[in-house]
């Protein structure tokens, strides 16, 4: 387990796995088995990572951040606001860690200089006992490596590719801690004030001044 700073009076831990098919799929299995509360899960490698509309997400060993938050709860977490909220948190964490001015390309891509660096996959379901589940997956290319060109024409790249020459790549475990902390902070903002609470932050990170999205996507 990787420690994370205390948030809202609670110590949140990130569980680390060497390999998994998909951190989101593993989260689903755990929720179906009765996992309660809020959990974070990270893998060094995914063998079946996926993105929007089921597209394959390249997840080579040690070359990216493959991170999922999963939870069981009674009330929905603003269904029309999770993806942009997590996008804000992810962009803010990357900017803070590297100084690279990444942006959110609506609705769920993180981009920089014409390249896609990562994305977000939000999923959820209602359990037979009436509880709600939320799964928030984050994929971020950190180290260089072969990447496919996406169907929308945006070539994939990594943080290493867009960092200034000579600047070291962040440690993935530290980046995971920063991202998870940022996500929890922004989710608390969303729960407290709804999307309006986040419009100013959204305007600072969104690509080309795009408005707050009104509909959640089906993938990362």
C-alpha atoms as a PDB file:
ATOM      1  CA  UNK A   1       0.000   0.000   0.000  1.00  0.00           C
ATOM      2  CA  UNK A   2       1.152   3.496  -0.838  1.00  0.00           C
ATOM      3  CA  UNK A   3       0.386   6.137   1.760  1.00  0.00           C
ATOM      4  CA  UNK A   4      -1.402   9.320   0.852  1.00  0.00           C
ATOM      5  CA  UNK A   5      -1.772  12.473   2.897  1.00  0.00           C
ATOM      6  CA  UNK A   6      -4.777  12.674   5.196  1.00  0.00           C
ATOM      7  CA  UNK A   7      -7.806  14.181   3.486  1.00  0.00           C
ATOM      8  CA  UNK A   8     -10.898  15.468   5.280  1.00  0.00           C
ATOM      9  CA  UNK A   9      -9.661  13.804   8.450  1.00  0.00           C
ATOM     10  CA  UNK A  10      -9.239  10.391   6.816  1.00  0.00           C
ATOM     11  CA  UNK A  11      -6.061   8.578   5.779  1.00  0.00           C
ATOM     12  CA  UNK A  12      -6.535   7.350   2.215  1.00  0.00           C
ATOM     13  CA  UNK A  13      -4.296   4.601   0.884  1.00  0.00           C
ATOM     14  CA  UNK A  14      -3.533   3.637  -2.701  1.00  0.00           C
ATOM     15  CA  UNK A  15      -3.253  -0.108  -3.233  1.00  0.00           C
ATOM     16  CA  UNK A  16      -0.588  -0.984  -5.779  1.00  0.00           C
ATOM     17  CA  UNK A  17      -0.679  -4.068  -8.032  1.00  0.00           C
ATOM     18  CA  UNK A  18       2.029  -5.246 -10.420  1.00  0.00           C
ATOM     19  CA  UNK A  19      -0.375  -6.257 -13.180  1.00  0.00           C
ATOM     20  CA  UNK A  20      -4.108  -6.372 -13.819  1.00  0.00           C
ATOM     21  CA  UNK A  21      -6.364  -6.583 -16.858  1.00  0.00           C
ATOM     22  CA  UNK A  22      -7.840  -3.140 -16.097  1.00  0.00           C
ATOM     23  CA  UNK A  23      -7.955  -1.194 -12.862  1.00  0.00           C
ATOM     24  CA  UNK A  24     -11.589  -0.333 -13.575  1.00  0.00           C
ATOM     25  CA  UNK A  25     -12.486  -3.986 -14.172  1.00  0.00           C
ATOM     26  CA  UNK A  26     -10.729  -4.966 -10.947  1.00  0.00           C
ATOM     27  CA  UNK A  27     -12.673  -2.238  -9.142  1.00  0.00           C
ATOM     28  CA  UNK A  28     -15.939  -3.620 -10.558  1.00  0.00           C
ATOM     29  CA  UNK A  29     -15.104  -7.102  -9.305  1.00  0.00           C
ATOM     30  CA  UNK A  30     -14.355  -5.789  -5.834  1.00  0.00           C
ATOM     31  CA  UNK A  31     -17.561  -3.776  -5.673  1.00  0.00           C
ATOM     32  CA  UNK A  32     -19.557  -6.794  -6.849  1.00  0.00           C
ATOM     33  CA  UNK A  33     -17.908  -8.756  -4.034  1.00  0.00           C
ATOM     34  CA  UNK A  34     -19.165  -6.246  -1.478  1.00  0.00           C
ATOM     35  CA  UNK A  35     -16.330  -3.720  -1.071  1.00  0.00           C
ATOM     36  CA  UNK A  36     -17.517  -0.714   0.936  1.00  0.00           C
ATOM     37  CA  UNK A  37     -16.220   2.798   1.415  1.00  0.00           C
ATOM     38  CA  UNK A  38     -13.802   4.657  -0.848  1.00  0.00           C
ATOM     39  CA  UNK A  39     -10.739   2.953  -2.305  1.00  0.00           C
ATOM     40  CA  UNK A  40      -7.868   3.783  -4.655  1.00  0.00           C
ATOM     41  CA  UNK A  41      -6.131   1.169  -6.806  1.00  0.00           C
ATOM     42  CA  UNK A  42      -3.051   1.527  -9.021  1.00  0.00           C
ATOM     43  CA  UNK A  43      -1.380  -0.963 -11.361  1.00  0.00           C
ATOM     44  CA  UNK A  44       2.089  -0.877 -12.895  1.00  0.00           C
ATOM     45  CA  UNK A  45       0.710  -2.532 -16.025  1.00  0.00           C
ATOM     46  CA  UNK A  46      -2.690  -3.225 -17.588  1.00  0.00           C
ATOM     47  CA  UNK A  47      -3.114  -6.096 -20.041  1.00  0.00           C
ATOM     48  CA  UNK A  48      -6.550  -4.962 -21.253  1.00  0.00           C
ATOM     49  CA  UNK A  49      -6.728  -1.229 -20.609  1.00  0.00           C
ATOM     50  CA  UNK A  50      -9.618   0.442 -22.381  1.00  0.00           C
ATOM     51  CA  UNK A  51     -10.854   3.888 -23.275  1.00  0.00           C
ATOM     52  CA  UNK A  52     -13.836   5.650 -24.748  1.00  0.00           C
ATOM     53  CA  UNK A  53     -16.178   3.385 -26.717  1.00  0.00           C
ATOM     54  CA  UNK A  54     -14.087   0.382 -25.701  1.00  0.00           C
ATOM     55  CA  UNK A  55     -10.951   1.510 -27.530  1.00  0.00           C
ATOM     56  CA  UNK A  56      -7.735  -0.172 -26.410  1.00  0.00           C
ATOM     57  CA  UNK A  57      -5.568   1.869 -24.040  1.00  0.00           C
ATOM     58  CA  UNK A  58      -1.857   1.034 -24.259  1.00  0.00           C
ATOM     59  CA  UNK A  59      -0.638   0.378 -20.718  1.00  0.00           C
ATOM     60  CA  UNK A  60       2.986  -0.837 -20.797  1.00  0.00           C
ATOM     61  CA  UNK A  61       4.762  -1.813 -17.608  1.00  0.00           C
ATOM     62  CA  UNK A  62       6.024   1.156 -15.604  1.00  0.00           C
ATOM     63  CA  UNK A  63       5.332   3.656 -18.395  1.00  0.00           C
ATOM     64  CA  UNK A  64       2.103   5.189 -17.176  1.00  0.00           C
ATOM     65  CA  UNK A  65      -0.255   6.025 -14.353  1.00  0.00           C
ATOM     66  CA  UNK A  66      -3.157   3.549 -14.280  1.00  0.00           C
ATOM     67  CA  UNK A  67      -5.282   4.596 -11.343  1.00  0.00           C
ATOM     68  CA  UNK A  68      -8.874   3.988 -10.235  1.00  0.00           C
ATOM     69  CA  UNK A  69     -11.042   5.313  -7.432  1.00  0.00           C
ATOM     70  CA  UNK A  70     -13.998   3.108  -6.560  1.00  0.00           C
ATOM     71  CA  UNK A  71     -16.728   3.563  -3.994  1.00  0.00           C
ATOM     72  CA  UNK A  72     -20.127   2.380  -2.828  1.00  0.00           C
ATOM     73  CA  UNK A  73     -22.539   5.037  -1.588  1.00  0.00           C
ATOM     74  CA  UNK A  74     -26.195   5.881  -1.099  1.00  0.00           C
ATOM     75  CA  UNK A  75     -26.465   9.122  -3.072  1.00  0.00           C
ATOM     76  CA  UNK A  76     -25.227   9.827  -6.631  1.00  0.00           C
ATOM     77  CA  UNK A  77     -22.085  11.913  -7.036  1.00  0.00           C
ATOM     78  CA  UNK A  78     -23.451  14.583  -9.382  1.00  0.00           C
ATOM     79  CA  UNK A  79     -23.789  12.330 -12.471  1.00  0.00           C
ATOM     80  CA  UNK A  80     -23.341  15.254 -14.888  1.00  0.00           C
ATOM     81  CA  UNK A  81     -20.242  16.557 -13.175  1.00  0.00           C
ATOM     82  CA  UNK A  82     -17.848  13.736 -12.345  1.00  0.00           C
ATOM     83  CA  UNK A  83     -15.831  13.632 -15.558  1.00  0.00           C
ATOM     84  CA  UNK A  84     -15.096  17.374 -15.852  1.00  0.00           C
ATOM     85  CA  UNK A  85     -14.398  17.552 -12.116  1.00  0.00           C
ATOM     86  CA  UNK A  86     -11.823  14.773 -12.362  1.00  0.00           C
ATOM     87  CA  UNK A  87     -10.419  16.446 -15.484  1.00  0.00           C
ATOM     88  CA  UNK A  88      -9.824  19.625 -13.509  1.00  0.00           C
ATOM     89  CA  UNK A  89      -8.142  17.685 -10.717  1.00  0.00           C
ATOM     90  CA  UNK A  90      -5.921  15.714 -13.093  1.00  0.00           C
ATOM     91  CA  UNK A  91      -4.812  18.794 -15.036  1.00  0.00           C
ATOM     92  CA  UNK A  92      -4.117  20.723 -11.828  1.00  0.00           C
ATOM     93  CA  UNK A  93      -2.056  17.870 -10.387  1.00  0.00           C
ATOM     94  CA  UNK A  94       0.031  17.489 -13.543  1.00  0.00           C
ATOM     95  CA  UNK A  95       0.620  21.236 -13.762  1.00  0.00           C
ATOM     96  CA  UNK A  96       1.670  21.354 -10.111  1.00  0.00           C
ATOM     97  CA  UNK A  97       4.017  18.371 -10.477  1.00  0.00           C
ATOM     98  CA  UNK A  98       5.662  19.336 -13.769  1.00  0.00           C
ATOM     99  CA  UNK A  99       4.815  22.915 -14.737  1.00  0.00           C
ATOM    100  CA  UNK A 100       3.573  21.602 -18.101  1.00  0.00           C
ATOM    101  CA  UNK A 101       0.401  23.499 -19.151  1.00  0.00           C
ATOM    102  CA  UNK A 102      -1.766  20.481 -19.933  1.00  0.00           C
ATOM    103  CA  UNK A 103      -5.430  21.101 -20.773  1.00  0.00           C
ATOM    104  CA  UNK A 104      -8.676  19.161 -20.666  1.00  0.00           C
ATOM    105  CA  UNK A 105     -10.149  18.456 -24.094  1.00  0.00           C
ATOM    106  CA  UNK A 106     -13.846  17.836 -23.437  1.00  0.00           C
ATOM    107  CA  UNK A 107     -14.962  15.765 -22.288  1.00  0.00           C
ATOM    108  CA  UNK A 108     -12.407  13.350 -20.932  1.00  0.00           C
ATOM    109  CA  UNK A 109      -8.988  13.805 -22.595  1.00  0.00           C
ATOM    110  CA  UNK A 110      -5.870  15.440 -21.176  1.00  0.00           C
ATOM    111  CA  UNK A 111      -3.817  17.067 -23.939  1.00  0.00           C
ATOM    112  CA  UNK A 112      -0.762  19.224 -24.524  1.00  0.00           C
ATOM    113  CA  UNK A 113       0.724  20.743 -27.691  1.00  0.00           C
ATOM    114  CA  UNK A 114      -1.587  18.769 -29.975  1.00  0.00           C
ATOM    115  CA  UNK A 115      -0.980  15.413 -28.276  1.00  0.00           C
ATOM    116  CA  UNK A 116      -3.192  13.286 -26.057  1.00  0.00           C
ATOM    117  CA  UNK A 117      -1.436  12.352 -22.811  1.00  0.00           C
ATOM    118  CA  UNK A 118      -4.243  10.665 -20.930  1.00  0.00           C
ATOM    119  CA  UNK A 119      -7.916  10.381 -20.204  1.00  0.00           C
ATOM    120  CA  UNK A 120     -10.665   9.606 -17.753  1.00  0.00           C
ATOM    121  CA  UNK A 121     -13.253   6.830 -17.596  1.00  0.00           C
ATOM    122  CA  UNK A 122     -16.213   7.265 -15.245  1.00  0.00           C
ATOM    123  CA  UNK A 123     -18.536   4.316 -14.721  1.00  0.00           C
ATOM    124  CA  UNK A 124     -21.229   3.423 -12.218  1.00  0.00           C
ATOM    125  CA  UNK A 125     -24.099   1.089 -11.427  1.00  0.00           C
ATOM    126  CA  UNK A 126     -26.788   0.343  -8.873  1.00  0.00           C
ATOM    127  CA  UNK A 127     -26.312  -2.822  -6.826  1.00  0.00           C
ATOM    128  CA  UNK A 128     -29.109  -5.314  -6.081  1.00  0.00           C
ATOM    129  CA  UNK A 129     -29.399  -3.890  -2.552  1.00  0.00           C
ATOM    130  CA  UNK A 130     -30.073  -0.402  -3.952  1.00  0.00           C
ATOM    131  CA  UNK A 131     -26.636   1.091  -3.317  1.00  0.00           C
ATOM    132  CA  UNK A 132     -24.843   3.113  -5.958  1.00  0.00           C
ATOM    133  CA  UNK A 133     -21.277   2.524  -7.110  1.00  0.00           C
ATOM    134  CA  UNK A 134     -18.881   4.900  -8.805  1.00  0.00           C
ATOM    135  CA  UNK A 135     -15.675   3.988 -10.606  1.00  0.00           C
ATOM    136  CA  UNK A 136     -13.318   6.745 -11.729  1.00  0.00           C
ATOM    137  CA  UNK A 137     -10.462   5.539 -13.911  1.00  0.00           C
ATOM    138  CA  UNK A 138      -7.457   7.670 -14.859  1.00  0.00           C
ATOM    139  CA  UNK A 139      -4.888   6.747 -17.480  1.00  0.00           C
ATOM    140  CA  UNK A 140      -1.847   8.917 -18.090  1.00  0.00           C
ATOM    141  CA  UNK A 141       1.163   8.206 -20.311  1.00  0.00           C
ATOM    142  CA  UNK A 142       4.237   9.130 -18.288  1.00  0.00           C
ATOM    143  CA  UNK A 143       7.269   7.535 -19.977  1.00  0.00           C
ATOM    144  CA  UNK A 144       7.995   7.472 -23.694  1.00  0.00           C
ATOM    145  CA  UNK A 145       7.084   4.492 -25.824  1.00  0.00           C
ATOM    146  CA  UNK A 146       5.214   3.473 -28.953  1.00  0.00           C
ATOM    147  CA  UNK A 147       1.665   4.884 -28.929  1.00  0.00           C
ATOM    148  CA  UNK A 148      -1.175   4.552 -31.385  1.00  0.00           C
ATOM    149  CA  UNK A 149      -2.903   7.423 -33.165  1.00  0.00           C
ATOM    150  CA  UNK A 150      -6.437   7.800 -31.858  1.00  0.00           C
ATOM    151  CA  UNK A 151      -9.512   7.503 -34.024  1.00  0.00           C
ATOM    152  CA  UNK A 152     -10.175  11.241 -33.572  1.00  0.00           C
ATOM    153  CA  UNK A 153      -6.798  12.065 -35.096  1.00  0.00           C
ATOM    154  CA  UNK A 154      -4.991  13.133 -31.923  1.00  0.00           C
ATOM    155  CA  UNK A 155      -1.606  11.383 -31.710  1.00  0.00           C
ATOM    156  CA  UNK A 156      -0.718   9.941 -28.335  1.00  0.00           C
ATOM    157  CA  UNK A 157       2.318  11.120 -26.386  1.00  0.00           C
ATOM    158  CA  UNK A 158       3.609  11.063 -22.812  1.00  0.00           C
ATOM    159  CA  UNK A 159       4.595  13.512 -20.117  1.00  0.00           C
ATOM    160  CA  UNK A 160       8.221  12.762 -20.928  1.00  0.00           C
ATOM    161  CA  UNK A 161       7.637  13.871 -24.517  1.00  0.00           C
ATOM    162  CA  UNK A 162       6.332  17.308 -23.492  1.00  0.00           C
ATOM    163  CA  UNK A 163       8.598  18.059 -20.537  1.00  0.00           C
ATOM    164  CA  UNK A 164      11.306  20.683 -21.031  1.00  0.00           C
ATOM    165  CA  UNK A 165      14.669  19.193 -21.974  1.00  0.00           C
ATOM    166  CA  UNK A 166      16.522  17.905 -18.934  1.00  0.00           C
ATOM    167  CA  UNK A 167      13.536  17.981 -16.581  1.00  0.00           C
ATOM    168  CA  UNK A 168      13.138  14.619 -14.827  1.00  0.00           C
ATOM    169  CA  UNK A 169       9.962  12.582 -15.139  1.00  0.00           C
ATOM    170  CA  UNK A 170       7.908  12.507 -11.924  1.00  0.00           C
ATOM    171  CA  UNK A 171       7.886   9.263  -9.976  1.00  0.00           C
ATOM    172  CA  UNK A 172       4.652   7.485 -10.833  1.00  0.00           C
ATOM    173  CA  UNK A 173       3.912   6.655  -7.196  1.00  0.00           C
ATOM    174  CA  UNK A 174       4.262  10.314  -6.221  1.00  0.00           C
ATOM    175  CA  UNK A 175       2.178  11.394  -9.196  1.00  0.00           C
ATOM    176  CA  UNK A 176      -0.522   8.932  -8.089  1.00  0.00           C
ATOM    177  CA  UNK A 177      -0.574  10.492  -4.634  1.00  0.00           C
ATOM    178  CA  UNK A 178      -0.844  14.002  -6.035  1.00  0.00           C
ATOM    179  CA  UNK A 179      -3.601  13.054  -8.483  1.00  0.00           C
ATOM    180  CA  UNK A 180      -5.623  11.165  -5.877  1.00  0.00           C
ATOM    181  CA  UNK A 181      -5.350  14.057  -3.425  1.00  0.00           C
ATOM    182  CA  UNK A 182      -6.395  16.534  -6.109  1.00  0.00           C
ATOM    183  CA  UNK A 183      -9.372  14.382  -7.136  1.00  0.00           C
ATOM    184  CA  UNK A 184     -10.621  14.057  -3.556  1.00  0.00           C
ATOM    185  CA  UNK A 185     -10.302  17.819  -3.086  1.00  0.00           C
ATOM    186  CA  UNK A 186     -12.258  18.628  -6.231  1.00  0.00           C
ATOM    187  CA  UNK A 187     -14.919  15.975  -5.554  1.00  0.00           C
ATOM    188  CA  UNK A 188     -15.495  17.626  -2.182  1.00  0.00           C
ATOM    189  CA  UNK A 189     -15.973  20.936  -4.020  1.00  0.00           C
ATOM    190  CA  UNK A 190     -18.489  19.288  -6.351  1.00  0.00           C
ATOM    191  CA  UNK A 191     -20.447  17.748  -3.500  1.00  0.00           C
ATOM    192  CA  UNK A 192     -20.485  21.013  -1.577  1.00  0.00           C
ATOM    193  CA  UNK A 193     -21.575  23.393  -4.323  1.00  0.00           C
ATOM    194  CA  UNK A 194     -22.356  21.435  -7.489  1.00  0.00           C
ATOM    195  CA  UNK A 195     -20.816  22.189 -10.888  1.00  0.00           C
ATOM    196  CA  UNK A 196     -21.133  25.945 -10.360  1.00  0.00           C
ATOM    197  CA  UNK A 197     -18.468  25.633  -7.663  1.00  0.00           C
ATOM    198  CA  UNK A 198     -16.017  24.456 -10.325  1.00  0.00           C
ATOM    199  CA  UNK A 199     -16.733  26.668 -13.318  1.00  0.00           C
ATOM    200  CA  UNK A 200     -13.838  29.038 -12.613  1.00  0.00           C
ATOM    201  CA  UNK A 201     -11.368  26.156 -12.246  1.00  0.00           C
ATOM    202  CA  UNK A 202     -12.741  24.595 -15.428  1.00  0.00           C
ATOM    203  CA  UNK A 203     -12.129  27.801 -17.380  1.00  0.00           C
ATOM    204  CA  UNK A 204      -8.470  27.746 -16.325  1.00  0.00           C
ATOM    205  CA  UNK A 205      -7.738  24.239 -17.632  1.00  0.00           C
ATOM    206  CA  UNK A 206     -10.175  23.600 -20.505  1.00  0.00           C
ATOM    207  CA  UNK A 207      -8.952  23.681 -24.101  1.00  0.00           C
ATOM    208  CA  UNK A 208     -10.097  26.675 -26.158  1.00  0.00           C
ATOM    209  CA  UNK A 209     -12.531  27.932 -23.523  1.00  0.00           C
ATOM    210  CA  UNK A 210     -15.076  25.139 -24.052  1.00  0.00           C
ATOM    211  CA  UNK A 211     -18.151  25.306 -21.778  1.00  0.00           C
ATOM    212  CA  UNK A 212     -18.866  22.936 -18.887  1.00  0.00           C
ATOM    213  CA  UNK A 213     -20.092  19.634 -20.407  1.00  0.00           C
ATOM    214  CA  UNK A 214     -23.709  18.652 -19.866  1.00  0.00           C
ATOM    215  CA  UNK A 215     -23.438  14.946 -20.546  1.00  0.00           C
ATOM    216  CA  UNK A 216     -21.120  12.272 -19.228  1.00  0.00           C
ATOM    217  CA  UNK A 217     -19.259  10.089 -21.750  1.00  0.00           C
ATOM    218  CA  UNK A 218     -19.083   6.330 -21.794  1.00  0.00           C
ATOM    219  CA  UNK A 219     -15.368   5.891 -21.469  1.00  0.00           C
ATOM    220  CA  UNK A 220     -11.858   7.078 -20.888  1.00  0.00           C
END
